[in-house]
Amino acid sequence: MKIYYPPLVEQADSFIAKNKRSQNRKIAKSAIYRLLVSRQILSENGAPTAEAIANGYVKDYYEAADLTFEAFLILYPVFEQFDSALFRKIGGFWEMPIDFKDYLLEEIRQQSFNYDEQIALESYFSERNIKCID
């Protein structure tokens, strides 16, 4: 049986796995979940707590409809490095051409982005029900 953990647990697990000091020991995702709940970063249902967001421990990537492009870049600053002409507002949300999307997904798989950029891109694509990593 596969257990599905909240995205923040998965992100914490990935961060720990990439940290050189922790490569000799594996921390169970269930322990990460319990720690995040005990520190009031996550609620028991897996959502970030209001305090965690307010204190900057967690970034809320909620993308409201009809954002200006400037507000979109504040939410996803990773896109500042790309030509703004690649983005079009469709149905109230900023979208990109398929070939650019495919390029970004491949770059994510190749781990070409830093941790914060990776998380932002994964959040952008998850809002669009696109899985970044198989």
C-alpha atoms as a PDB file:
ATOM      1  CA  MET A   1       0.000   0.000   0.000  1.00  0.00           C
ATOM      2  CA  LYS A   2       1.396   3.380  -1.030  1.00  0.00           C
ATOM      3  CA  ILE A   3       1.038   6.212   1.473  1.00  0.00           C
ATOM      4  CA  TYR A   4       0.560   9.680   0.030  1.00  0.00           C
ATOM      5  CA  TYR A   5       2.054  12.477   2.126  1.00  0.00           C
ATOM      6  CA  PRO A   6       1.241  16.187   1.889  1.00  0.00           C
ATOM      7  CA  PRO A   7       3.414  18.159  -0.551  1.00  0.00           C
ATOM      8  CA  LEU A   8       5.311  19.872   2.277  1.00  0.00           C
ATOM      9  CA  VAL A   9       6.348  16.499   3.676  1.00  0.00           C
ATOM     10  CA  GLU A  10       7.513  15.405   0.219  1.00  0.00           C
ATOM     11  CA  GLN A  11       9.439  18.670  -0.189  1.00  0.00           C
ATOM     12  CA  ALA A  12      11.055  18.299   3.239  1.00  0.00           C
ATOM     13  CA  ASP A  13      12.002  14.712   2.401  1.00  0.00           C
ATOM     14  CA  SER A  14      13.601  15.835  -0.895  1.00  0.00           C
ATOM     15  CA  PHE A  15      15.454  18.640   0.871  1.00  0.00           C
ATOM     16  CA  ILE A  16      16.797  16.260   3.521  1.00  0.00           C
ATOM     17  CA  ALA A  17      17.817  13.712   0.887  1.00  0.00           C
ATOM     18  CA  LYS A  18      19.798  16.364  -1.017  1.00  0.00           C
ATOM     19  CA  ASN A  19      21.507  17.682   2.117  1.00  0.00           C
ATOM     20  CA  LYS A  20      25.006  16.171   2.163  1.00  0.00           C
ATOM     21  CA  ARG A  21      25.103  15.880   5.950  1.00  0.00           C
ATOM     22  CA  SER A  22      22.044  13.630   5.997  1.00  0.00           C
ATOM     23  CA  GLN A  23      23.003  11.188   3.224  1.00  0.00           C
ATOM     24  CA  ASN A  24      24.133   8.556   5.704  1.00  0.00           C
ATOM     25  CA  ARG A  25      20.761   8.360   7.426  1.00  0.00           C
ATOM     26  CA  LYS A  26      17.256   8.212   6.052  1.00  0.00           C
ATOM     27  CA  ILE A  27      14.429   9.866   7.957  1.00  0.00           C
ATOM     28  CA  ALA A  28      11.017   8.289   7.489  1.00  0.00           C
ATOM     29  CA  LYS A  29       8.369  10.508   5.907  1.00  0.00           C
ATOM     30  CA  SER A  30       6.063   9.648   8.801  1.00  0.00           C
ATOM     31  CA  ALA A  31       8.629  11.160  11.197  1.00  0.00           C
ATOM     32  CA  ILE A  32       8.892  14.281   9.041  1.00  0.00           C
ATOM     33  CA  TYR A  33       5.086  14.601   9.049  1.00  0.00           C
ATOM     34  CA  ARG A  34       4.915  14.219  12.847  1.00  0.00           C
ATOM     35  CA  LEU A  35       7.685  16.781  13.331  1.00  0.00           C
ATOM     36  CA  LEU A  36       6.012  19.356  11.058  1.00  0.00           C
ATOM     37  CA  VAL A  37       2.689  18.883  12.860  1.00  0.00           C
ATOM     38  CA  SER A  38       4.312  19.092  16.308  1.00  0.00           C
ATOM     39  CA  ARG A  39       6.100  22.322  15.295  1.00  0.00           C
ATOM     40  CA  GLN A  40       2.758  23.687  14.033  1.00  0.00           C
ATOM     41  CA  ILE A  41       4.031  24.098  10.489  1.00  0.00           C
ATOM     42  CA  LEU A  42       1.412  21.669   9.185  1.00  0.00           C
ATOM     43  CA  SER A  43      -2.067  20.973  10.445  1.00  0.00           C
ATOM     44  CA  GLU A  44      -2.989  17.313  10.839  1.00  0.00           C
ATOM     45  CA  ASN A  45      -4.732  17.370   7.459  1.00  0.00           C
ATOM     46  CA  GLY A  46      -1.435  18.379   5.786  1.00  0.00           C
ATOM     47  CA  ALA A  47      -2.205  22.019   5.052  1.00  0.00           C
ATOM     48  CA  PRO A  48       0.283  24.674   6.166  1.00  0.00           C
ATOM     49  CA  THR A  49      -0.799  26.542   9.271  1.00  0.00           C
ATOM     50  CA  ALA A  50      -1.531  30.265   9.193  1.00  0.00           C
ATOM     51  CA  GLU A  51       1.390  30.860  11.600  1.00  0.00           C
ATOM     52  CA  ALA A  52       3.797  28.983   9.292  1.00  0.00           C
ATOM     53  CA  ILE A  53       2.742  31.152   6.353  1.00  0.00           C
ATOM     54  CA  ALA A  54       2.812  34.382   8.411  1.00  0.00           C
ATOM     55  CA  ASN A  55       6.299  33.583   9.743  1.00  0.00           C
ATOM     56  CA  GLY A  56       7.621  32.751   6.275  1.00  0.00           C
ATOM     57  CA  TYR A  57       8.301  29.071   7.020  1.00  0.00           C
ATOM     58  CA  VAL A  58       5.984  28.120   4.171  1.00  0.00           C
ATOM     59  CA  LYS A  59       5.140  30.013   1.005  1.00  0.00           C
ATOM     60  CA  ASP A  60       1.525  29.985  -0.090  1.00  0.00           C
ATOM     61  CA  TYR A  61       1.470  29.504  -3.868  1.00  0.00           C
ATOM     62  CA  TYR A  62      -2.254  30.147  -4.207  1.00  0.00           C
ATOM     63  CA  GLU A  63      -2.728  31.625  -7.661  1.00  0.00           C
ATOM     64  CA  ALA A  64      -5.845  33.750  -7.871  1.00  0.00           C
ATOM     65  CA  ALA A  65      -7.504  34.342 -11.216  1.00  0.00           C
ATOM     66  CA  ASP A  66      -6.747  37.512 -13.199  1.00  0.00           C
ATOM     67  CA  LEU A  67      -3.429  38.370 -11.563  1.00  0.00           C
ATOM     68  CA  THR A  68      -1.423  41.046 -13.294  1.00  0.00           C
ATOM     69  CA  PHE A  69       1.806  39.736 -14.771  1.00  0.00           C
ATOM     70  CA  GLU A  70       3.716  41.652 -12.097  1.00  0.00           C
ATOM     71  CA  ALA A  71       1.711  39.917  -9.343  1.00  0.00           C
ATOM     72  CA  PHE A  72       2.274  36.585 -11.099  1.00  0.00           C
ATOM     73  CA  LEU A  73       6.048  37.202 -11.001  1.00  0.00           C
ATOM     74  CA  ILE A  74       5.866  38.039  -7.298  1.00  0.00           C
ATOM     75  CA  LEU A  75       4.187  34.679  -6.732  1.00  0.00           C
ATOM     76  CA  TYR A  76       6.586  32.831  -9.073  1.00  0.00           C
ATOM     77  CA  PRO A  77       9.829  34.851  -9.273  1.00  0.00           C
ATOM     78  CA  VAL A  78      11.517  31.948 -11.079  1.00  0.00           C
ATOM     79  CA  PHE A  79       9.841  33.168 -14.278  1.00  0.00           C
ATOM     80  CA  GLU A  80      11.622  36.549 -14.131  1.00  0.00           C
ATOM     81  CA  GLN A  81      14.598  34.936 -15.899  1.00  0.00           C
ATOM     82  CA  PHE A  82      12.494  34.141 -18.982  1.00  0.00           C
ATOM     83  CA  ASP A  83      11.058  36.346 -21.715  1.00  0.00           C
ATOM     84  CA  SER A  84       7.640  37.688 -20.667  1.00  0.00           C
ATOM     85  CA  ALA A  85       6.442  37.200 -24.269  1.00  0.00           C
ATOM     86  CA  LEU A  86       6.296  33.458 -23.512  1.00  0.00           C
ATOM     87  CA  PHE A  87       3.322  33.998 -21.208  1.00  0.00           C
ATOM     88  CA  ARG A  88      -0.302  34.636 -22.142  1.00  0.00           C
ATOM     89  CA  LYS A  89      -3.291  35.037 -19.870  1.00  0.00           C
ATOM     90  CA  ILE A  90      -5.760  32.300 -20.759  1.00  0.00           C
ATOM     91  CA  GLY A  91      -8.936  31.812 -18.761  1.00  0.00           C
ATOM     92  CA  GLY A  92      -7.621  34.275 -16.172  1.00  0.00           C
ATOM     93  CA  PHE A  93      -4.310  32.445 -15.588  1.00  0.00           C
ATOM     94  CA  TRP A  94      -0.826  32.940 -17.012  1.00  0.00           C
ATOM     95  CA  GLU A  95       0.050  30.067 -19.329  1.00  0.00           C
ATOM     96  CA  MET A  96       2.986  29.154 -21.560  1.00  0.00           C
ATOM     97  CA  PRO A  97       3.472  27.372 -24.905  1.00  0.00           C
ATOM     98  CA  ILE A  98       3.706  23.573 -24.807  1.00  0.00           C
ATOM     99  CA  ASP A  99       7.304  23.515 -26.049  1.00  0.00           C
ATOM    100  CA  PHE A 100       8.397  25.880 -23.249  1.00  0.00           C
ATOM    101  CA  LYS A 101       6.474  23.802 -20.714  1.00  0.00           C
ATOM    102  CA  ASP A 102       8.227  20.661 -21.977  1.00  0.00           C
ATOM    103  CA  TYR A 103      11.588  22.425 -21.749  1.00  0.00           C
ATOM    104  CA  LEU A 104      10.933  23.445 -18.129  1.00  0.00           C
ATOM    105  CA  LEU A 105       9.734  19.971 -17.170  1.00  0.00           C
ATOM    106  CA  GLU A 106      12.926  18.466 -18.603  1.00  0.00           C
ATOM    107  CA  GLU A 107      15.040  21.029 -16.736  1.00  0.00           C
ATOM    108  CA  ILE A 108      13.193  20.106 -13.527  1.00  0.00           C
ATOM    109  CA  ARG A 109      13.948  16.414 -14.127  1.00  0.00           C
ATOM    110  CA  GLN A 110      17.604  17.315 -14.717  1.00  0.00           C
ATOM    111  CA  GLN A 111      17.587  19.300 -11.440  1.00  0.00           C
ATOM    112  CA  SER A 112      18.823  22.434 -13.238  1.00  0.00           C
ATOM    113  CA  PHE A 113      17.087  24.803 -10.822  1.00  0.00           C
ATOM    114  CA  ASN A 114      17.945  25.658  -7.239  1.00  0.00           C
ATOM    115  CA  TYR A 115      15.702  24.367  -4.471  1.00  0.00           C
ATOM    116  CA  ASP A 116      13.421  27.443  -4.280  1.00  0.00           C
ATOM    117  CA  GLU A 117      13.029  27.613  -8.057  1.00  0.00           C
ATOM    118  CA  GLN A 118      12.256  23.893  -8.186  1.00  0.00           C
ATOM    119  CA  ILE A 119       9.536  24.241  -5.543  1.00  0.00           C
ATOM    120  CA  ALA A 120       8.018  27.259  -7.325  1.00  0.00           C
ATOM    121  CA  LEU A 121       7.946  25.425 -10.660  1.00  0.00           C
ATOM    122  CA  GLU A 122       6.489  22.291  -9.104  1.00  0.00           C
ATOM    123  CA  SER A 123       3.790  24.455  -7.492  1.00  0.00           C
ATOM    124  CA  TYR A 124       3.037  26.221 -10.784  1.00  0.00           C
ATOM    125  CA  PHE A 125       2.650  22.913 -12.615  1.00  0.00           C
ATOM    126  CA  SER A 126       0.699  21.227  -9.809  1.00  0.00           C
ATOM    127  CA  GLU A 127      -1.857  24.061 -10.032  1.00  0.00           C
ATOM    128  CA  ARG A 128      -2.301  22.930 -13.625  1.00  0.00           C
ATOM    129  CA  ASN A 129      -2.419  19.207 -12.740  1.00  0.00           C
ATOM    130  CA  ILE A 130       0.905  18.536 -14.460  1.00  0.00           C
ATOM    131  CA  LYS A 131       3.221  16.129 -12.688  1.00  0.00           C
ATOM    132  CA  CYS A 132       6.855  17.253 -12.818  1.00  0.00           C
ATOM    133  CA  ILE A 133       8.611  14.070 -11.782  1.00  0.00           C
ATOM    134  CA  ASP A 134       7.410  10.536 -12.390  1.00  0.00           C
END
